Amino acid sequence: MYTYSEFDDRFVRERVAQFRGQVARRLDGSLTEDEFKPLRLMNGLYLQLHAYMLRVAIPYGTLNPDQMRQLAWIAERWDKGYGHFTTRQNIQFNWPKLADVPDILDALADVEMHAIQTSGNTIRNVTADHFAGAAADEIADPRPVAELLRQWSTDHPEFQFLPRKFKIAITGSPNDRAVTRAHDIGLRMVTRDGEAGFEVIVGGGLGRTPMIGKVIREFLPRADLLPYVEAIVSVWNLLGRRDNKYKARIKITVHEHGIDEIRRLVEERFAEIRPGFAGVDQAVLAELEAAFAPPALRSAPQAAYDAAYRTDPLFRSWADTNLAPHKSPDHAIVTISLKAHGATPGDASADQMRVLADLAETYGHSELRISHEQNVILPHVHRADLPAVHAALKAAGLATANIGLASDIIACPGMDYCALATARSIPIAQEIATRIDALKIEHEVGHLKIKISGCINACGHHHVGHIGILGLDRAGVENYQITLGGDHTETAAVGERAGPGFPAEEIVPAIERIIFAYLDLRDRDDETFLDAYRRLGPAPFKAALYPAEKERADAA
């Protein structure tokens, strides 16, 4: 992992001291809320429905045990005993008092964390594949490049007041686990003639105008990455609209000007600025790669794993569902579900955070990852240690065997917390998961991504869910639209709206009808929901979703 330099520590401490003074002036009335708002947003502090919310950066989703323990302590000391992990691989504290926020930021700085650029019209937290550095399908660990991008973008003088927020995602694997095509810039590592480089994607994004990003460069050498990314942001910073915030994102700029014109302008700007980098970025990158050297994995018998798998059905179910292939065959990547049936997706208590920290320290080479799917990962666990890990998770209420299944639901905070939300997300996710558990069909259904957003800003990624749910306000009543066929992977697609929405009391039965229709329609047990939808099209699923309309059509 990257550890702070003297400059990093000084920079973060100075920002905390600066914000402490700004908070004091807000509290004594020297600053109005309008004057204070841009200052707090620069430090990740939002004013939500009921209280302030502090969004803490977890760059490219990587944490160490001391950092996780500090988050647990902050949750107990200044919040309500839990934190909420988000689709940006961050953590949010929903109940801090304004007077306490500078102390929280100081506590974060003690473990090399901060909340800088987790809000505002700037380059946000760079996200990455949550299996980075461990995945069997990986070309190379993308986190050194992600850290290079983080250092470059933090307090970049040209990019602190962009037309709108700007998000970058990176993956080192051909199988995209970082949703790169739904970001302002997506970077997918590829190879050409034995050389590793990047496919560069621009203009993706969800929200009120969902768009899949377009390839601006099919292959970019690694040495050119930073100046090329700067060229993209620089071009958009000049072209991007500032007259209408709903049309300010780069996806609209690409749509209005066309990818060919954007490519021409970016290549021109790239040619201008590339000589100025003079290889300095590559020297920094070389140092960062040393910081991300893989851990020294041990070799040991895995008899304990084999015995537990053979004799313990709960362990076997968890192993089959929550483990992913590691580069080393005698190790596994463990995804820990924060989606126990009926729980709030993405929430972890302080006690659970400490359990996760202890497990990472004891069995996982002191590494933890946060996924954009709101779960926690131990990327390097020897198979011999998996029974002990499972036992500890079970005791902490963290052993739910549902990763990638129907109850592993992404959900934004919705109207329970967010001032922008128009409907609840959390209760709907809880009801769906509880119903699926009661039906005992989850493992029969298999791979199914359900994603829920409480407003059109789409923080729950509903557009790219196999089943997406969007909560809206219809004349003061919550109404939920359903989209089908979305995909967040390398074959990314925006889901199609199925038809009229459903009131809150009807949305769970509607989802149930879709799932049972899929079980009836699939042509083999291993055909996934998405494959069946792409093979059959929307018609049979709509017929199941709106049976009254089908009856009328049949009668006619």
Protein backbone atom coordinates (compact mmCIF):
# COMPACT_ATOMS: atom_id res chain seq x y z
CA MET A 1 0.00 0.00 0.00
CA TYR A 2 0.98 3.60 -0.46
CA THR A 3 2.00 5.42 2.70
CA TYR A 4 2.01 9.19 3.12
CA SER A 5 5.13 11.20 2.42
CA GLU A 6 6.08 14.16 4.58
CA PHE A 7 4.42 16.40 1.99
CA ASP A 8 1.17 14.39 2.09
CA ASP A 9 0.97 14.61 5.86
CA ARG A 10 1.70 18.33 5.94
CA PHE A 11 -0.81 19.03 3.15
CA VAL A 12 -3.64 17.14 4.86
CA ARG A 13 -2.90 18.65 8.29
CA GLU A 14 -2.91 22.16 6.83
CA ARG A 15 -6.25 21.52 5.17
CA VAL A 16 -7.71 20.32 8.47
CA ALA A 17 -6.44 23.42 10.27
CA GLN A 18 -7.84 25.64 7.56
CA PHE A 19 -11.24 23.96 7.76
CA ARG A 20 -11.23 24.15 11.55
CA GLY A 21 -11.06 27.91 11.24
CA GLN A 22 -13.86 27.93 8.66
CA VAL A 23 -16.09 25.82 10.92
CA ALA A 24 -15.43 28.17 13.84
CA ARG A 25 -16.49 31.14 11.72
CA ARG A 26 -19.64 29.33 10.64
CA LEU A 27 -20.52 28.49 14.23
CA ASP A 28 -20.04 32.07 15.46
CA GLY A 29 -22.05 33.47 12.56
CA SER A 30 -19.17 35.12 10.71
CA LEU A 31 -19.97 32.93 7.70
CA THR A 32 -23.47 32.40 6.36
CA GLU A 33 -24.51 28.94 5.17
CA ASP A 34 -24.24 30.13 1.55
CA GLU A 35 -20.68 31.32 2.21
CA PHE A 36 -19.79 28.15 4.10
CA LYS A 37 -21.26 25.69 1.57
CA PRO A 38 -18.42 25.72 -1.00
CA LEU A 39 -15.86 25.48 1.81
CA ARG A 40 -17.48 22.44 3.44
CA LEU A 41 -17.99 20.72 0.10
CA MET A 42 -14.26 21.02 -0.60
CA ASN A 43 -13.81 18.93 2.54
CA GLY A 44 -16.47 16.28 1.87
CA LEU A 45 -19.13 17.68 4.20
CA TYR A 46 -22.75 17.66 3.01
CA LEU A 47 -25.90 18.94 4.65
CA GLN A 48 -28.44 16.12 4.32
CA LEU A 49 -32.08 15.77 5.34
CA HIS A 50 -31.51 15.44 9.07
CA ALA A 51 -27.85 16.20 9.75
CA TYR A 52 -24.47 16.79 8.20
CA MET A 53 -22.86 13.88 6.35
CA LEU A 54 -19.11 13.44 6.03
CA ARG A 55 -17.84 11.47 3.04
CA VAL A 56 -14.37 10.01 3.63
CA ALA A 57 -12.14 9.06 0.71
CA ILE A 58 -10.92 5.49 0.38
CA PRO A 59 -8.68 5.85 -2.70
CA TYR A 60 -9.19 2.98 -5.13
CA GLY A 61 -10.99 1.16 -2.30
CA THR A 62 -7.84 0.13 -0.40
CA LEU A 63 -7.60 0.16 3.42
CA ASN A 64 -5.28 -1.26 6.04
CA PRO A 65 -6.43 -2.62 9.44
CA ASP A 66 -5.41 0.50 11.39
CA GLN A 67 -7.49 2.64 9.06
CA MET A 68 -10.51 0.36 9.42
CA ARG A 69 -10.17 0.43 13.21
CA GLN A 70 -9.99 4.23 13.14
CA LEU A 71 -13.19 4.35 11.08
CA ALA A 72 -14.80 2.13 13.73
CA TRP A 73 -13.63 4.47 16.50
CA ILE A 74 -14.90 7.53 14.64
CA ALA A 75 -18.28 5.82 14.17
CA GLU A 76 -18.56 5.25 17.92
CA ARG A 77 -17.04 8.53 19.09
CA TRP A 78 -18.79 10.98 16.77
CA ASP A 79 -21.56 9.13 14.93
CA LYS A 80 -24.14 6.45 15.80
CA GLY A 81 -21.86 3.43 15.81
CA TYR A 82 -21.79 2.55 12.11
CA GLY A 83 -20.59 3.72 8.71
CA HIS A 84 -22.04 3.39 5.22
CA PHE A 85 -19.81 2.15 2.38
CA THR A 86 -20.76 3.64 -0.99
CA THR A 87 -20.64 2.90 -4.71
CA ARG A 88 -17.64 5.26 -4.93
CA GLN A 89 -15.62 2.98 -2.61
CA ASN A 90 -15.90 5.66 0.10
CA ILE A 91 -17.42 5.60 3.59
CA GLN A 92 -20.04 8.05 4.80
CA PHE A 93 -20.83 9.08 8.36
CA ASN A 94 -24.42 10.28 8.44
CA TRP A 95 -24.71 11.93 11.86
CA PRO A 96 -21.64 14.06 12.74
CA LYS A 97 -22.09 17.39 14.50
CA LEU A 98 -20.54 20.33 12.70
CA ALA A 99 -18.40 21.31 15.70
CA ASP A 100 -16.89 17.80 15.73
CA VAL A 101 -15.96 17.55 12.05
CA PRO A 102 -12.47 19.11 12.39
CA ASP A 103 -11.67 16.60 15.14
CA ILE A 104 -12.89 13.77 12.87
CA LEU A 105 -10.65 15.03 10.07
CA ASP A 106 -7.70 15.17 12.46
CA ALA A 107 -8.43 11.58 13.52
CA LEU A 108 -8.50 10.55 9.86
CA ALA A 109 -5.18 12.30 9.22
CA ASP A 110 -3.68 10.22 12.05
CA VAL A 111 -4.13 7.14 9.84
CA GLU A 112 -3.39 8.79 6.47
CA MET A 113 -6.99 9.43 5.43
CA HIS A 114 -8.98 12.52 4.50
CA ALA A 115 -12.20 13.78 2.91
CA ILE A 116 -10.65 16.10 0.30
CA GLN A 117 -12.33 16.13 -3.12
CA THR A 118 -15.08 13.71 -2.13
CA SER A 119 -17.46 16.46 -3.20
CA GLY A 120 -17.56 19.56 -5.37
CA ASN A 121 -16.93 20.21 -9.05
CA THR A 122 -13.54 18.60 -9.12
CA ILE A 123 -11.93 15.22 -9.79
CA ARG A 124 -13.42 12.86 -7.23
CA ASN A 125 -12.02 9.75 -5.56
CA VAL A 126 -10.39 7.54 -8.22
CA THR A 127 -12.00 4.10 -8.09
CA ALA A 128 -10.56 0.75 -9.16
CA ASP A 129 -11.24 -2.94 -9.50
CA HIS A 130 -11.74 -4.19 -5.93
CA PHE A 131 -9.78 -7.36 -6.78
CA ALA A 132 -6.77 -5.33 -7.95
CA GLY A 133 -3.43 -6.97 -7.24
CA ALA A 134 -5.02 -10.35 -6.56
CA ALA A 135 -7.30 -11.35 -9.45
CA ALA A 136 -6.33 -14.37 -11.52
CA ASP A 137 -7.42 -12.59 -14.72
CA GLU A 138 -5.40 -9.44 -14.10
CA ILE A 139 -2.83 -8.07 -16.56
CA ALA A 140 -1.26 -5.86 -13.89
CA ASP A 141 -2.25 -4.17 -10.64
CA PRO A 142 -3.87 -0.84 -11.62
CA ARG A 143 -3.52 0.75 -8.17
CA PRO A 144 -0.11 2.40 -8.74
CA VAL A 145 -1.67 4.23 -11.69
CA ALA A 146 -4.75 5.04 -9.59
CA GLU A 147 -2.48 6.52 -6.89
CA LEU A 148 -0.60 8.51 -9.54
CA LEU A 149 -3.94 9.92 -10.71
CA ARG A 150 -4.93 10.69 -7.11
CA GLN A 151 -1.73 12.63 -6.46
CA TRP A 152 -1.98 14.49 -9.76
CA SER A 153 -5.62 15.46 -9.30
CA THR A 154 -5.49 16.48 -5.62
CA ASP A 155 -5.65 20.28 -5.45
CA HIS A 156 -4.72 20.51 -9.15
CA PRO A 157 -4.94 24.29 -9.73
CA GLU A 158 -6.59 24.01 -13.14
CA PHE A 159 -9.24 21.50 -12.09
CA GLN A 160 -10.70 22.74 -8.80
CA PHE A 161 -13.67 24.51 -10.41
CA LEU A 162 -14.70 22.25 -13.26
CA PRO A 163 -18.10 22.54 -14.99
CA ARG A 164 -19.27 19.58 -12.83
CA LYS A 165 -17.87 16.70 -10.82
CA PHE A 166 -15.53 14.34 -12.65
CA LYS A 167 -15.06 10.62 -11.98
CA ILE A 168 -12.30 8.25 -13.12
CA ALA A 169 -12.32 4.45 -12.82
CA ILE A 170 -9.53 2.01 -13.68
CA THR A 171 -9.21 -1.76 -14.04
CA GLY A 172 -6.24 -3.98 -14.78
CA SER A 173 -8.36 -6.90 -15.94
CA PRO A 174 -10.23 -7.66 -19.18
CA ASN A 175 -13.25 -8.54 -17.03
CA ASP A 176 -14.44 -5.11 -15.94
CA ARG A 177 -15.31 -4.96 -12.24
CA ALA A 178 -14.87 -1.17 -12.03
CA VAL A 179 -17.83 0.00 -14.19
CA THR A 180 -15.37 1.88 -16.41
CA ARG A 181 -17.91 2.54 -19.18
CA ALA A 182 -20.16 4.51 -16.83
CA HIS A 183 -17.48 7.02 -15.82
CA ASP A 184 -16.30 10.36 -17.18
CA ILE A 185 -13.02 8.60 -17.94
CA GLY A 186 -12.73 4.83 -17.86
CA LEU A 187 -9.36 3.11 -18.15
CA ARG A 188 -9.16 -0.58 -19.07
CA MET A 189 -5.73 -2.21 -19.17
CA VAL A 190 -5.11 -4.07 -22.43
CA THR A 191 -2.09 -5.50 -24.22
CA ARG A 192 -0.79 -4.95 -27.72
CA ASP A 193 2.22 -6.87 -29.08
CA GLY A 194 3.12 -7.86 -25.54
CA GLU A 195 3.00 -4.29 -24.22
CA ALA A 196 0.52 -3.27 -21.51
CA GLY A 197 -1.42 -0.10 -22.08
CA PHE A 198 -4.91 1.29 -21.69
CA GLU A 199 -8.13 1.46 -23.62
CA VAL A 200 -9.37 4.97 -22.81
CA ILE A 201 -13.12 5.55 -22.57
CA VAL A 202 -14.76 8.97 -22.19
CA GLY A 203 -18.26 10.32 -21.73
CA GLY A 204 -19.86 7.62 -19.65
CA GLY A 205 -22.20 8.39 -16.81
CA LEU A 206 -25.56 7.62 -15.28
CA GLY A 207 -27.92 10.16 -13.68
CA ARG A 208 -30.78 11.80 -15.54
CA THR A 209 -29.06 11.18 -18.91
CA PRO A 210 -27.42 7.76 -18.76
CA MET A 211 -24.77 7.13 -21.40
CA ILE A 212 -22.22 4.41 -22.05
CA GLY A 213 -18.75 5.85 -22.61
CA LYS A 214 -17.07 5.88 -26.02
CA VAL A 215 -13.56 4.72 -26.81
CA ILE A 216 -11.33 7.70 -27.54
CA ARG A 217 -8.10 5.65 -27.74
CA GLU A 218 -8.03 1.90 -28.32
CA PHE A 219 -4.48 1.63 -27.03
CA LEU A 220 -2.56 4.21 -25.02
CA PRO A 221 0.95 3.33 -23.76
CA ARG A 222 1.25 3.49 -19.99
CA ALA A 223 3.90 6.19 -20.27
CA ASP A 224 1.39 8.50 -21.97
CA LEU A 225 -1.48 7.98 -19.55
CA LEU A 226 -1.18 10.97 -17.23
CA PRO A 227 -0.68 13.66 -19.91
CA TYR A 228 -3.48 12.10 -21.96
CA VAL A 229 -5.90 12.16 -19.01
CA GLU A 230 -4.90 15.77 -18.33
CA ALA A 231 -5.55 16.60 -21.98
CA ILE A 232 -9.07 15.14 -21.74
CA VAL A 233 -9.95 17.06 -18.58
CA SER A 234 -8.38 20.24 -19.95
CA VAL A 235 -10.39 20.09 -23.18
CA TRP A 236 -13.63 19.45 -21.31
CA ASN A 237 -12.86 22.22 -18.81
CA LEU A 238 -12.93 24.68 -21.72
CA LEU A 239 -15.78 23.13 -23.71
CA GLY A 240 -18.05 21.99 -20.89
CA ARG A 241 -21.21 23.95 -20.31
CA ARG A 242 -21.54 26.11 -17.23
CA ASP A 243 -24.95 27.58 -18.09
CA ASN A 244 -26.87 24.42 -17.13
CA LYS A 245 -25.57 21.99 -14.51
CA TYR A 246 -27.70 19.20 -15.96
CA LYS A 247 -25.79 19.50 -19.24
CA ALA A 248 -22.35 20.14 -17.81
CA ARG A 249 -20.95 16.59 -17.54
CA ILE A 250 -18.45 15.44 -20.14
CA LYS A 251 -20.95 12.90 -21.49
CA ILE A 252 -23.06 15.81 -22.77
CA THR A 253 -19.98 17.52 -24.22
CA VAL A 254 -19.07 14.34 -26.10
CA HIS A 255 -22.67 13.95 -27.27
CA GLU A 256 -22.92 17.54 -28.50
CA HIS A 257 -19.54 17.71 -30.24
CA GLY A 258 -19.16 14.07 -31.27
CA ILE A 259 -16.40 11.68 -30.27
CA ASP A 260 -14.34 12.40 -33.40
CA GLU A 261 -14.13 16.13 -32.65
CA ILE A 262 -13.37 15.49 -28.98
CA ARG A 263 -10.65 13.04 -30.03
CA ARG A 264 -9.11 15.66 -32.37
CA LEU A 265 -9.04 18.31 -29.65
CA VAL A 266 -7.66 15.94 -27.05
CA GLU A 267 -4.89 14.72 -29.36
CA GLU A 268 -3.92 18.34 -30.09
CA ARG A 269 -3.83 19.21 -26.41
CA PHE A 270 -1.95 16.00 -25.62
CA ALA A 271 0.74 16.87 -28.16
CA GLU A 272 1.12 20.31 -26.54
CA ILE A 273 1.47 19.19 -22.94
CA ARG A 274 3.21 15.82 -23.21
CA PRO A 275 6.75 17.28 -23.47
CA GLY A 276 6.18 19.17 -20.22
CA PHE A 277 5.90 15.95 -18.24
CA ALA A 278 9.46 15.01 -19.28
CA GLY A 279 9.17 11.59 -17.67
CA VAL A 280 8.66 12.96 -14.16
CA ASP A 281 5.35 11.12 -13.89
CA GLN A 282 7.05 7.85 -14.84
CA ALA A 283 9.66 8.29 -12.12
CA VAL A 284 6.88 8.82 -9.60
CA LEU A 285 5.01 5.81 -10.98
CA ALA A 286 8.08 3.60 -10.58
CA GLU A 287 8.26 4.53 -6.89
CA LEU A 288 4.54 3.83 -6.49
CA GLU A 289 4.85 0.40 -8.08
CA ALA A 290 7.36 -0.54 -5.40
CA ALA A 291 4.85 0.53 -2.74
CA PHE A 292 2.28 -1.84 -4.22
CA ALA A 293 4.53 -4.88 -4.42
CA PRO A 294 2.51 -8.06 -3.86
CA PRO A 295 2.63 -9.62 -0.40
CA ALA A 296 4.82 -12.63 0.33
CA LEU A 297 2.28 -15.43 0.08
CA ARG A 298 2.96 -18.60 2.04
CA SER A 299 2.69 -22.17 0.85
CA ALA A 300 0.81 -24.59 3.11
CA PRO A 301 -1.47 -27.64 2.93
CA GLN A 302 -5.16 -26.87 2.50
CA ALA A 303 -6.52 -29.94 4.28
CA ALA A 304 -8.54 -27.75 6.66
CA TYR A 305 -10.32 -26.17 3.70
CA ASP A 306 -11.02 -29.51 2.04
CA ALA A 307 -12.42 -30.98 5.26
CA ALA A 308 -14.66 -28.01 5.96
CA TYR A 309 -15.89 -27.94 2.37
CA ARG A 310 -16.73 -31.63 2.52
CA THR A 311 -18.48 -31.66 5.91
CA ASP A 312 -19.95 -28.19 6.53
CA PRO A 313 -22.79 -27.20 4.15
CA LEU A 314 -22.83 -23.58 5.38
CA PHE A 315 -19.13 -23.22 4.70
CA ARG A 316 -19.50 -24.90 1.31
CA SER A 317 -22.31 -22.54 0.29
CA TRP A 318 -20.26 -19.53 1.40
CA ALA A 319 -17.14 -20.78 -0.37
CA ASP A 320 -19.01 -21.45 -3.60
CA THR A 321 -20.59 -17.98 -3.57
CA ASN A 322 -18.21 -15.53 -1.89
CA LEU A 323 -14.78 -16.69 -3.09
CA ALA A 324 -13.08 -15.64 -6.33
CA PRO A 325 -9.98 -17.06 -8.04
CA HIS A 326 -6.64 -15.67 -6.87
CA LYS A 327 -3.41 -15.42 -8.86
CA SER A 328 -2.03 -18.06 -6.52
CA PRO A 329 -4.18 -21.22 -6.76
CA ASP A 330 -3.79 -22.03 -3.05
CA HIS A 331 -5.21 -18.61 -2.11
CA ALA A 332 -8.62 -17.06 -2.60
CA ILE A 333 -10.18 -13.60 -2.78
CA VAL A 334 -12.86 -13.34 -0.08
CA THR A 335 -15.79 -11.01 -0.61
CA ILE A 336 -17.59 -10.28 2.66
CA SER A 337 -21.23 -9.42 2.22
CA LEU A 338 -22.60 -6.29 3.89
CA LYS A 339 -26.02 -7.42 2.66
CA ALA A 340 -27.37 -9.81 5.27
CA HIS A 341 -31.01 -10.42 4.38
CA GLY A 342 -33.02 -7.49 5.72
CA ALA A 343 -29.95 -5.38 6.57
CA THR A 344 -29.13 -1.93 5.17
CA PRO A 345 -26.89 -2.48 2.12
CA GLY A 346 -23.40 -1.14 2.72
CA ASP A 347 -23.71 -0.49 6.45
CA ALA A 348 -21.13 -1.90 8.88
CA SER A 349 -21.15 -1.44 12.64
CA ALA A 350 -18.05 -0.40 14.53
CA ASP A 351 -17.77 -3.90 15.99
CA GLN A 352 -17.98 -5.43 12.52
CA MET A 353 -15.30 -3.06 11.22
CA ARG A 354 -12.98 -4.18 14.00
CA VAL A 355 -13.63 -7.84 13.13
CA LEU A 356 -12.76 -7.09 9.50
CA ALA A 357 -9.57 -5.32 10.57
CA ASP A 358 -8.55 -8.25 12.78
CA LEU A 359 -9.18 -10.77 10.01
CA ALA A 360 -7.16 -8.75 7.53
CA GLU A 361 -4.30 -8.51 9.98
CA THR A 362 -4.37 -12.20 10.96
CA TYR A 363 -5.17 -13.87 7.65
CA GLY A 364 -5.10 -11.28 4.85
CA HIS A 365 -1.67 -9.62 4.75
CA SER A 366 -3.19 -6.49 6.31
CA GLU A 367 -5.17 -5.54 3.20
CA LEU A 368 -8.84 -4.69 2.88
CA ARG A 369 -10.77 -3.45 -0.14
CA ILE A 370 -14.13 -1.74 -0.47
CA SER A 371 -16.08 -2.60 -3.63
CA HIS A 372 -18.36 -0.31 -5.59
CA GLU A 373 -20.98 -2.96 -4.80
CA GLN A 374 -20.82 -1.94 -1.11
CA ASN A 375 -19.04 -5.03 0.18
CA VAL A 376 -15.63 -5.62 1.78
CA ILE A 377 -12.86 -7.79 0.35
CA LEU A 378 -9.93 -9.68 1.84
CA PRO A 379 -7.84 -10.01 -1.33
CA HIS A 380 -5.18 -12.49 -0.16
CA VAL A 381 -6.35 -15.38 2.05
CA HIS A 382 -4.75 -18.83 2.06
CA ARG A 383 -7.31 -21.59 1.58
CA ALA A 384 -6.16 -23.28 4.78
CA ASP A 385 -7.35 -20.19 6.70
CA LEU A 386 -10.78 -19.94 5.11
CA PRO A 387 -12.65 -22.07 7.71
CA ALA A 388 -11.34 -19.83 10.50
CA VAL A 389 -12.25 -16.70 8.53
CA HIS A 390 -15.74 -18.03 7.92
CA ALA A 391 -16.25 -18.89 11.59
CA ALA A 392 -15.25 -15.37 12.65
CA LEU A 393 -17.50 -13.80 10.02
CA LYS A 394 -20.41 -15.99 11.09
CA ALA A 395 -20.02 -14.85 14.71
CA ALA A 396 -20.06 -11.21 13.54
CA GLY A 397 -23.13 -11.57 11.30
CA LEU A 398 -20.99 -11.17 8.18
CA ALA A 399 -21.10 -14.66 6.64
CA THR A 400 -24.09 -14.24 4.32
CA ALA A 401 -23.46 -16.37 1.20
CA ASN A 402 -25.02 -14.09 -1.41
CA ILE A 403 -22.30 -12.32 -3.40
CA GLY A 404 -23.58 -11.70 -6.92
CA LEU A 405 -27.01 -13.08 -6.05
CA ALA A 406 -30.38 -11.38 -5.93
CA SER A 407 -30.08 -10.12 -2.35
CA ASP A 408 -26.63 -8.61 -2.93
CA ILE A 409 -28.42 -5.37 -3.77
CA ILE A 410 -26.77 -2.02 -4.41
CA ALA A 411 -28.85 0.76 -2.84
CA CYS A 412 -28.24 4.46 -2.32
CA PRO A 413 -29.25 6.02 1.05
CA GLY A 414 -32.44 7.35 -0.55
CA MET A 415 -34.97 9.45 1.31
CA ASP A 416 -33.88 8.08 4.69
CA TYR A 417 -30.89 10.44 4.51
CA CYS A 418 -30.41 12.24 1.20
CA ALA A 419 -31.81 15.73 0.58
CA LEU A 420 -31.98 15.03 -3.17
CA ALA A 421 -33.89 11.75 -2.94
CA THR A 422 -37.50 11.50 -4.05
CA ALA A 423 -38.19 8.00 -2.70
CA ARG A 424 -36.85 5.46 -0.23
CA SER A 425 -34.23 2.94 -1.33
CA ILE A 426 -33.12 1.18 1.83
CA PRO A 427 -36.52 -0.22 2.92
CA ILE A 428 -37.22 -1.47 -0.60
CA ALA A 429 -33.86 -3.26 -0.74
CA GLN A 430 -34.52 -4.78 2.67
CA GLU A 431 -37.99 -5.99 1.67
CA ILE A 432 -36.75 -7.53 -1.60
CA ALA A 433 -33.87 -9.32 0.14
CA THR A 434 -36.14 -10.59 2.91
CA ARG A 435 -38.69 -11.89 0.40
CA ILE A 436 -36.02 -13.63 -1.68
CA ASP A 437 -34.66 -15.28 1.44
CA ALA A 438 -38.15 -16.46 2.44
CA LEU A 439 -38.70 -18.00 -1.01
CA LYS A 440 -35.38 -19.93 -0.77
CA ILE A 441 -34.70 -19.48 -4.49
CA GLU A 442 -31.62 -17.28 -4.42
CA HIS A 443 -29.05 -19.92 -5.31
CA GLU A 444 -31.38 -21.45 -7.89
CA VAL A 445 -31.73 -18.04 -9.57
CA GLY A 446 -27.97 -17.51 -9.57
CA HIS A 447 -26.16 -14.42 -10.83
CA LEU A 448 -28.54 -11.46 -10.70
CA LYS A 449 -27.72 -7.80 -10.08
CA ILE A 450 -30.52 -5.70 -8.58
CA LYS A 451 -29.69 -2.02 -8.10
CA ILE A 452 -31.87 0.69 -6.54
CA SER A 453 -31.68 4.49 -6.68
CA GLY A 454 -33.89 6.89 -4.75
CA CYS A 455 -33.76 9.61 -7.41
CA ILE A 456 -32.63 10.28 -10.96
CA ASN A 457 -29.07 11.02 -9.86
CA ALA A 458 -28.61 7.22 -9.90
CA CYS A 459 -26.17 6.81 -7.02
CA GLY A 460 -27.47 3.23 -6.77
CA HIS A 461 -26.38 2.51 -10.39
CA HIS A 462 -29.88 1.32 -11.29
CA HIS A 463 -29.34 1.99 -15.01
CA VAL A 464 -26.74 -0.80 -15.19
CA GLY A 465 -28.53 -3.31 -13.00
CA HIS A 466 -29.86 -6.50 -14.58
CA ILE A 467 -32.99 -5.33 -12.77
CA GLY A 468 -32.88 -1.63 -11.97
CA ILE A 469 -35.29 0.20 -9.70
CA LEU A 470 -35.70 3.99 -9.72
CA GLY A 471 -37.73 5.63 -6.98
CA LEU A 472 -39.63 8.79 -7.94
CA ASP A 473 -42.21 11.12 -6.47
CA ARG A 474 -45.56 11.04 -8.26
CA ALA A 475 -47.86 13.69 -6.77
CA GLY A 476 -46.49 13.06 -3.30
CA VAL A 477 -46.56 9.27 -3.62
CA GLU A 478 -43.47 7.09 -4.01
CA ASN A 479 -43.44 5.34 -7.37
CA TYR A 480 -40.84 2.85 -8.58
CA GLN A 481 -39.86 2.39 -12.22
CA ILE A 482 -38.21 -0.84 -13.34
CA THR A 483 -35.49 -1.15 -15.96
CA LEU A 484 -34.30 -4.46 -17.40
CA GLY A 485 -31.14 -5.64 -19.12
CA GLY A 486 -28.57 -3.21 -17.73
CA ASP A 487 -24.96 -4.31 -17.46
CA HIS A 488 -21.97 -2.71 -15.70
CA THR A 489 -19.22 -4.95 -17.12
CA GLU A 490 -17.11 -4.87 -20.28
CA THR A 491 -20.35 -5.48 -22.24
CA ALA A 492 -21.97 -2.47 -20.56
CA ALA A 493 -25.52 -1.47 -21.41
CA VAL A 494 -28.15 0.86 -20.02
CA GLY A 495 -31.30 -0.99 -19.00
CA GLU A 496 -34.59 -0.49 -20.81
CA ARG A 497 -37.56 0.94 -18.96
CA ALA A 498 -40.15 -1.81 -18.65
CA GLY A 499 -43.26 0.38 -18.42
CA PRO A 500 -45.33 2.22 -15.81
CA GLY A 501 -43.99 2.37 -12.28
CA PHE A 502 -45.33 0.66 -9.17
CA PRO A 503 -46.31 2.04 -5.77
CA ALA A 504 -44.12 0.99 -2.85
CA GLU A 505 -46.45 -1.79 -1.72
CA GLU A 506 -46.39 -3.41 -5.19
CA ILE A 507 -42.70 -3.25 -6.09
CA VAL A 508 -41.62 -6.42 -4.25
CA PRO A 509 -44.33 -8.60 -5.88
CA ALA A 510 -43.35 -7.08 -9.24
CA ILE A 511 -39.70 -8.09 -8.77
CA GLU A 512 -40.85 -11.54 -7.67
CA ARG A 513 -42.85 -11.95 -10.90
CA ILE A 514 -39.81 -11.04 -13.00
CA ILE A 515 -37.62 -13.55 -11.20
CA PHE A 516 -40.11 -16.40 -11.52
CA ALA A 517 -40.62 -15.55 -15.19
CA TYR A 518 -36.88 -15.87 -15.70
CA LEU A 519 -36.82 -19.29 -14.01
CA ASP A 520 -39.57 -20.44 -16.38
CA LEU A 521 -37.99 -18.87 -19.47
CA ARG A 522 -34.33 -19.84 -19.21
CA ASP A 523 -33.33 -22.67 -21.53
CA ARG A 524 -30.81 -24.23 -19.16
CA ASP A 525 -29.95 -23.99 -15.48
CA ASP A 526 -26.75 -22.02 -16.06
CA GLU A 527 -28.28 -19.40 -18.37
CA THR A 528 -28.07 -16.16 -16.41
CA PHE A 529 -30.85 -13.61 -16.18
CA LEU A 530 -28.94 -11.21 -18.42
CA ASP A 531 -28.26 -13.88 -21.03
CA ALA A 532 -31.94 -14.89 -21.04
CA TYR A 533 -33.03 -11.26 -21.37
CA ARG A 534 -30.67 -10.69 -24.29
CA ARG A 535 -31.82 -13.89 -25.98
CA LEU A 536 -35.55 -13.31 -25.54
CA GLY A 537 -35.88 -9.54 -25.45
CA PRO A 538 -38.15 -7.61 -23.09
CA ALA A 539 -41.55 -8.92 -24.20
CA PRO A 540 -41.90 -12.05 -22.00
CA PHE A 541 -40.58 -10.17 -18.95
CA LYS A 542 -43.00 -7.30 -19.50
CA ALA A 543 -45.82 -9.81 -19.84
CA ALA A 544 -44.93 -11.19 -16.42
CA LEU A 545 -44.52 -7.74 -14.96
CA TYR A 546 -47.87 -6.44 -16.22
CA PRO A 547 -50.19 -9.48 -16.28
CA ALA A 548 -53.36 -7.39 -16.65
CA GLU A 549 -52.06 -5.87 -19.88
CA LYS A 550 -51.20 -9.33 -21.18
CA GLU A 551 -54.72 -10.56 -20.39
CA ARG A 552 -56.22 -7.61 -22.27
CA ALA A 553 -53.94 -8.27 -25.24
CA ASP A 554 -54.83 -11.98 -25.25
CA ALA A 555 -58.55 -11.16 -25.10
CA ALA A 556 -58.23 -8.79 -28.04
